[in-house]
Amino acid sequence: MTTLKSCVSACRYCRYYTPEGQRGGTCRLFNVSVKSGWKACSLSVPSFAPACENLVATPSFR
């Protein structure tokens, strides 16, 4: 399994960020209000990263 290293510098670039209003938003991971310019946490994931939760494991028979 590959581990994604976070290269997200601010909350606004994170997959879990949902904008609300002009300067802030919500972190869906922690369900808290955040500012878009805040430094992203270590659990941040880039907005366009592959969605691991959507992958389906298929057995390979050889």
PDB file of N, CA and C in Angstrom:
ATOM      1  N   MET A   1       0.843  -1.171   0.000  1.00  0.00           N
ATOM      2  CA  MET A   1       0.000   0.000   0.000  1.00  0.00           C
ATOM      3  C   MET A   1       0.888   1.234   0.000  1.00  0.00           C
ATOM      4  N   THR A   2       0.555   2.222  -0.805  1.00  0.00           N
ATOM      5  CA  THR A   2       1.333   3.450  -0.877  1.00  0.00           C
ATOM      6  C   THR A   2       0.789   4.475   0.097  1.00  0.00           C
ATOM      7  N   THR A   3       1.685   5.133   0.785  1.00  0.00           N
ATOM      8  CA  THR A   3       1.276   6.172   1.717  1.00  0.00           C
ATOM      9  C   THR A   3       1.436   7.522   1.046  1.00  0.00           C
ATOM     10  N   LEU A   4       0.369   8.307   1.036  1.00  0.00           N
ATOM     11  CA  LEU A   4       0.439   9.653   0.478  1.00  0.00           C
ATOM     12  C   LEU A   4       1.049  10.584   1.511  1.00  0.00           C
ATOM     13  N   LYS A   5       2.059  11.309   1.110  1.00  0.00           N
ATOM     14  CA  LYS A   5       2.617  12.320   1.999  1.00  0.00           C
ATOM     15  C   LYS A   5       1.842  13.597   1.736  1.00  0.00           C
ATOM     16  N   SER A   6       1.433  14.257   2.791  1.00  0.00           N
ATOM     17  CA  SER A   6       0.634  15.463   2.639  1.00  0.00           C
ATOM     18  C   SER A   6       1.461  16.594   2.056  1.00  0.00           C
ATOM     19  N   CYS A   7       1.005  17.138   0.957  1.00  0.00           N
ATOM     20  CA  CYS A   7       1.654  18.303   0.374  1.00  0.00           C
ATOM     21  C   CYS A   7       0.666  19.475   0.402  1.00  0.00           C
ATOM     22  N   VAL A   8      -0.358  19.333   1.215  1.00  0.00           N
ATOM     23  CA  VAL A   8      -1.372  20.366   1.342  1.00  0.00           C
ATOM     24  C   VAL A   8      -0.863  21.405   2.330  1.00  0.00           C
ATOM     25  N   SER A   9      -0.721  22.648   1.852  1.00  0.00           N
ATOM     26  CA  SER A   9      -0.154  23.688   2.708  1.00  0.00           C
ATOM     27  C   SER A   9      -1.200  24.405   3.551  1.00  0.00           C
ATOM     28  N   ALA A  10      -2.427  24.499   3.049  1.00  0.00           N
ATOM     29  CA  ALA A  10      -3.484  25.225   3.759  1.00  0.00           C
ATOM     30  C   ALA A  10      -4.786  24.447   3.695  1.00  0.00           C
ATOM     31  N   CYS A  11      -5.664  24.704   4.644  1.00  0.00           N
ATOM     32  CA  CYS A  11      -6.949  23.997   4.714  1.00  0.00           C
ATOM     33  C   CYS A  11      -7.730  24.083   3.402  1.00  0.00           C
ATOM     34  N   ARG A  12      -7.685  25.221   2.727  1.00  0.00           N
ATOM     35  CA  ARG A  12      -8.487  25.391   1.500  1.00  0.00           C
ATOM     36  C   ARG A  12      -8.114  24.416   0.395  1.00  0.00           C
ATOM     37  N   TYR A  13      -6.938  23.780   0.465  1.00  0.00           N
ATOM     38  CA  TYR A  13      -6.508  22.822  -0.554  1.00  0.00           C
ATOM     39  C   TYR A  13      -6.777  21.374  -0.149  1.00  0.00           C
ATOM     40  N   CYS A  14      -7.398  21.188   0.999  1.00  0.00           N
ATOM     41  CA  CYS A  14      -7.633  19.845   1.528  1.00  0.00           C
ATOM     42  C   CYS A  14      -8.969  19.281   1.033  1.00  0.00           C
ATOM     43  N   ARG A  15      -9.005  17.979   0.841  1.00  0.00           N
ATOM     44  CA  ARG A  15     -10.229  17.290   0.397  1.00  0.00           C
ATOM     45  C   ARG A  15     -11.368  17.453   1.389  1.00  0.00           C
ATOM     46  N   TYR A  16     -11.058  17.577   2.658  1.00  0.00           N
ATOM     47  CA  TYR A  16     -12.083  17.644   3.693  1.00  0.00           C
ATOM     48  C   TYR A  16     -12.619  19.054   3.930  1.00  0.00           C
ATOM     49  N   TYR A  17     -12.068  20.050   3.262  1.00  0.00           N
ATOM     50  CA  TYR A  17     -12.483  21.440   3.462  1.00  0.00           C
ATOM     51  C   TYR A  17     -13.707  21.768   2.619  1.00  0.00           C
ATOM     52  N   THR A  18     -14.720  22.362   3.244  1.00  0.00           N
ATOM     53  CA  THR A  18     -15.914  22.828   2.555  1.00  0.00           C
ATOM     54  C   THR A  18     -16.049  24.322   2.824  1.00  0.00           C
ATOM     55  N   PRO A  19     -15.960  25.161   1.780  1.00  0.00           N
ATOM     56  CA  PRO A  19     -16.043  26.604   2.006  1.00  0.00           C
ATOM     57  C   PRO A  19     -17.427  27.043   2.469  1.00  0.00           C
ATOM     58  N   GLU A  20     -17.431  28.008   3.371  1.00  0.00           N
ATOM     59  CA  GLU A  20     -18.672  28.624   3.855  1.00  0.00           C
ATOM     60  C   GLU A  20     -18.376  30.103   4.058  1.00  0.00           C
ATOM     61  N   GLY A  21     -19.107  30.953   3.411  1.00  0.00           N
ATOM     62  CA  GLY A  21     -18.847  32.373   3.539  1.00  0.00           C
ATOM     63  C   GLY A  21     -17.663  32.789   2.686  1.00  0.00           C
ATOM     64  N   GLN A  22     -17.011  33.908   3.074  1.00  0.00           N
ATOM     65  CA  GLN A  22     -15.924  34.435   2.249  1.00  0.00           C
ATOM     66  C   GLN A  22     -14.538  33.975   2.665  1.00  0.00           C
ATOM     67  N   ARG A  23     -14.309  33.730   3.933  1.00  0.00           N
ATOM     68  CA  ARG A  23     -12.950  33.419   4.373  1.00  0.00           C
ATOM     69  C   ARG A  23     -12.807  32.111   5.119  1.00  0.00           C
ATOM     70  N   GLY A  24     -13.884  31.510   5.500  1.00  0.00           N
ATOM     71  CA  GLY A  24     -13.798  30.303   6.320  1.00  0.00           C
ATOM     72  C   GLY A  24     -14.499  29.132   5.701  1.00  0.00           C
ATOM     73  N   GLY A  25     -14.581  28.088   6.478  1.00  0.00           N
ATOM     74  CA  GLY A  25     -15.242  26.887   6.012  1.00  0.00           C
ATOM     75  C   GLY A  25     -15.299  25.859   7.118  1.00  0.00           C
ATOM     76  N   THR A  26     -15.554  24.622   6.715  1.00  0.00           N
ATOM     77  CA  THR A  26     -15.685  23.528   7.664  1.00  0.00           C
ATOM     78  C   THR A  26     -14.756  22.399   7.271  1.00  0.00           C
ATOM     79  N   CYS A  27     -14.128  21.802   8.277  1.00  0.00           N
ATOM     80  CA  CYS A  27     -13.350  20.586   8.072  1.00  0.00           C
ATOM     81  C   CYS A  27     -14.311  19.429   8.296  1.00  0.00           C
ATOM     82  N   ARG A  28     -14.603  18.662   7.237  1.00  0.00           N
ATOM     83  CA  ARG A  28     -15.533  17.539   7.356  1.00  0.00           C
ATOM     84  C   ARG A  28     -14.924  16.368   8.109  1.00  0.00           C
ATOM     85  N   LEU A  29     -13.587  16.322   8.185  1.00  0.00           N
ATOM     86  CA  LEU A  29     -12.929  15.238   8.912  1.00  0.00           C
ATOM     87  C   LEU A  29     -13.157  15.379  10.412  1.00  0.00           C
ATOM     88  N   PHE A  30     -13.029  16.616  10.923  1.00  0.00           N
ATOM     89  CA  PHE A  30     -13.181  16.862  12.354  1.00  0.00           C
ATOM     90  C   PHE A  30     -14.497  17.543  12.710  1.00  0.00           C
ATOM     91  N   ASN A  31     -15.282  17.934  11.688  1.00  0.00           N
ATOM     92  CA  ASN A  31     -16.558  18.616  11.884  1.00  0.00           C
ATOM     93  C   ASN A  31     -16.399  19.886  12.732  1.00  0.00           C
ATOM     94  N   VAL A  32     -15.426  20.722  12.326  1.00  0.00           N
ATOM     95  CA  VAL A  32     -15.154  21.980  13.016  1.00  0.00           C
ATOM     96  C   VAL A  32     -15.008  23.105  11.995  1.00  0.00           C
ATOM     97  N   SER A  33     -15.185  24.343  12.453  1.00  0.00           N
ATOM     98  CA  SER A  33     -14.975  25.508  11.601  1.00  0.00           C
ATOM     99  C   SER A  33     -13.479  25.795  11.501  1.00  0.00           C
ATOM    100  N   VAL A  34     -13.022  26.116  10.293  1.00  0.00           N
ATOM    101  CA  VAL A  34     -11.617  26.457  10.060  1.00  0.00           C
ATOM    102  C   VAL A  34     -11.541  27.659   9.129  1.00  0.00           C
ATOM    103  N   LYS A  35     -10.406  28.320   9.113  1.00  0.00           N
ATOM    104  CA  LYS A  35     -10.138  29.405   8.175  1.00  0.00           C
ATOM    105  C   LYS A  35      -9.414  28.818   6.977  1.00  0.00           C
ATOM    106  N   SER A  36      -9.718  29.310   5.791  1.00  0.00           N
ATOM    107  CA  SER A  36      -9.133  28.741   4.573  1.00  0.00           C
ATOM    108  C   SER A  36      -7.621  28.862   4.526  1.00  0.00           C
ATOM    109  N   GLY A  37      -7.063  29.897   5.143  1.00  0.00           N
ATOM    110  CA  GLY A  37      -5.627  30.121   5.097  1.00  0.00           C
ATOM    111  C   GLY A  37      -4.837  29.448   6.201  1.00  0.00           C
ATOM    112  N   TRP A  38      -5.510  28.755   7.113  1.00  0.00           N
ATOM    113  CA  TRP A  38      -4.803  28.077   8.197  1.00  0.00           C
ATOM    114  C   TRP A  38      -3.894  26.995   7.639  1.00  0.00           C
ATOM    115  N   LYS A  39      -2.794  26.757   8.335  1.00  0.00           N
ATOM    116  CA  LYS A  39      -1.894  25.676   7.960  1.00  0.00           C
ATOM    117  C   LYS A  39      -2.642  24.347   8.112  1.00  0.00           C
ATOM    118  N   ALA A  40      -2.552  23.516   7.091  1.00  0.00           N
ATOM    119  CA  ALA A  40      -3.266  22.238   7.103  1.00  0.00           C
ATOM    120  C   ALA A  40      -2.673  21.278   8.124  1.00  0.00           C
ATOM    121  N   CYS A  41      -3.523  20.409   8.654  1.00  0.00           N
ATOM    122  CA  CYS A  41      -3.070  19.421   9.628  1.00  0.00           C
ATOM    123  C   CYS A  41      -2.363  18.266   8.923  1.00  0.00           C
ATOM    124  N   SER A  42      -1.768  17.395   9.704  1.00  0.00           N
ATOM    125  CA  SER A  42      -1.016  16.263   9.144  1.00  0.00           C
ATOM    126  C   SER A  42      -1.926  15.207   8.507  1.00  0.00           C
ATOM    127  N   LEU A  43      -3.223  15.293   8.721  1.00  0.00           N
ATOM    128  CA  LEU A  43      -4.171  14.331   8.127  1.00  0.00           C
ATOM    129  C   LEU A  43      -4.792  14.845   6.830  1.00  0.00           C
ATOM    130  N   SER A  44      -4.333  15.988   6.351  1.00  0.00           N
ATOM    131  CA  SER A  44      -4.905  16.579   5.144  1.00  0.00           C
ATOM    132  C   SER A  44      -4.601  15.722   3.920  1.00  0.00           C
ATOM    133  N   VAL A  45      -5.510  15.758   2.963  1.00  0.00           N
ATOM    134  CA  VAL A  45      -5.384  15.006   1.721  1.00  0.00           C
ATOM    135  C   VAL A  45      -5.654  15.976   0.585  1.00  0.00           C
ATOM    136  N   PRO A  46      -4.814  16.003  -0.457  1.00  0.00           N
ATOM    137  CA  PRO A  46      -5.047  16.902  -1.581  1.00  0.00           C
ATOM    138  C   PRO A  46      -6.437  16.693  -2.192  1.00  0.00           C
ATOM    139  N   SER A  47      -7.040  17.764  -2.663  1.00  0.00           N
ATOM    140  CA  SER A  47      -8.400  17.710  -3.211  1.00  0.00           C
ATOM    141  C   SER A  47      -8.559  16.702  -4.342  1.00  0.00           C
ATOM    142  N   PHE A  48      -7.551  16.547  -5.177  1.00  0.00           N
ATOM    143  CA  PHE A  48      -7.682  15.666  -6.337  1.00  0.00           C
ATOM    144  C   PHE A  48      -6.877  14.376  -6.197  1.00  0.00           C
ATOM    145  N   ALA A  49      -6.622  13.965  -4.960  1.00  0.00           N
ATOM    146  CA  ALA A  49      -5.926  12.700  -4.710  1.00  0.00           C
ATOM    147  C   ALA A  49      -6.866  11.548  -5.026  1.00  0.00           C
ATOM    148  N   PRO A  50      -6.322  10.396  -5.391  1.00  0.00           N
ATOM    149  CA  PRO A  50      -7.195   9.242  -5.648  1.00  0.00           C
ATOM    150  C   PRO A  50      -8.002   8.895  -4.403  1.00  0.00           C
ATOM    151  N   ALA A  51      -9.235   8.562  -4.601  1.00  0.00           N
ATOM    152  CA  ALA A  51     -10.115   8.223  -3.479  1.00  0.00           C
ATOM    153  C   ALA A  51      -9.923   6.754  -3.122  1.00  0.00           C
ATOM    154  N   CYS A  52      -9.144   6.489  -2.100  1.00  0.00           N
ATOM    155  CA  CYS A  52      -8.873   5.104  -1.686  1.00  0.00           C
ATOM    156  C   CYS A  52     -10.134   4.389  -1.245  1.00  0.00           C
ATOM    157  N   GLU A  53     -11.086   5.152  -0.678  1.00  0.00           N
ATOM    158  CA  GLU A  53     -12.307   4.519  -0.194  1.00  0.00           C
ATOM    159  C   GLU A  53     -13.204   4.037  -1.327  1.00  0.00           C
ATOM    160  N   ASN A  54     -12.938   4.480  -2.568  1.00  0.00           N
ATOM    161  CA  ASN A  54     -13.758   4.060  -3.703  1.00  0.00           C
ATOM    162  C   ASN A  54     -13.167   2.867  -4.449  1.00  0.00           C
ATOM    163  N   LEU A  55     -11.988   2.422  -4.045  1.00  0.00           N
ATOM    164  CA  LEU A  55     -11.360   1.295  -4.713  1.00  0.00           C
ATOM    165  C   LEU A  55     -12.004  -0.006  -4.264  1.00  0.00           C
ATOM    166  N   VAL A  56     -12.199  -0.913  -5.207  1.00  0.00           N
ATOM    167  CA  VAL A  56     -12.786  -2.208  -4.894  1.00  0.00           C
ATOM    168  C   VAL A  56     -11.736  -3.263  -5.150  1.00  0.00           C
ATOM    169  N   ALA A  57     -11.491  -4.074  -4.171  1.00  0.00           N
ATOM    170  CA  ALA A  57     -10.496  -5.145  -4.322  1.00  0.00           C
ATOM    171  C   ALA A  57     -11.113  -6.281  -5.134  1.00  0.00           C
ATOM    172  N   THR A  58     -10.425  -6.652  -6.201  1.00  0.00           N
ATOM    173  CA  THR A  58     -10.901  -7.766  -7.007  1.00  0.00           C
ATOM    174  C   THR A  58      -9.848  -8.861  -6.963  1.00  0.00           C
ATOM    175  N   PRO A  59     -10.257 -10.054  -6.698  1.00  0.00           N
ATOM    176  CA  PRO A  59      -9.280 -11.150  -6.626  1.00  0.00           C
ATOM    177  C   PRO A  59      -8.718 -11.459  -8.008  1.00  0.00           C
ATOM    178  N   SER A  60      -7.459 -11.764  -8.062  1.00  0.00           N
ATOM    179  CA  SER A  60      -6.854 -12.142  -9.337  1.00  0.00           C
ATOM    180  C   SER A  60      -6.563 -13.650  -9.306  1.00  0.00           C
ATOM    181  N   PHE A  61      -7.071 -14.344 -10.267  1.00  0.00           N
ATOM    182  CA  PHE A  61      -6.898 -15.787 -10.356  1.00  0.00           C
ATOM    183  C   PHE A  61      -5.920 -16.090 -11.457  1.00  0.00           C
ATOM    184  N   ARG A  62      -4.881 -16.831 -11.133  1.00  0.00           N
ATOM    185  CA  ARG A  62      -3.879 -17.188 -12.159  1.00  0.00           C
ATOM    186  C   ARG A  62      -3.622 -18.650 -12.131  1.00  0.00           C
TER     187      ARG A  62
END
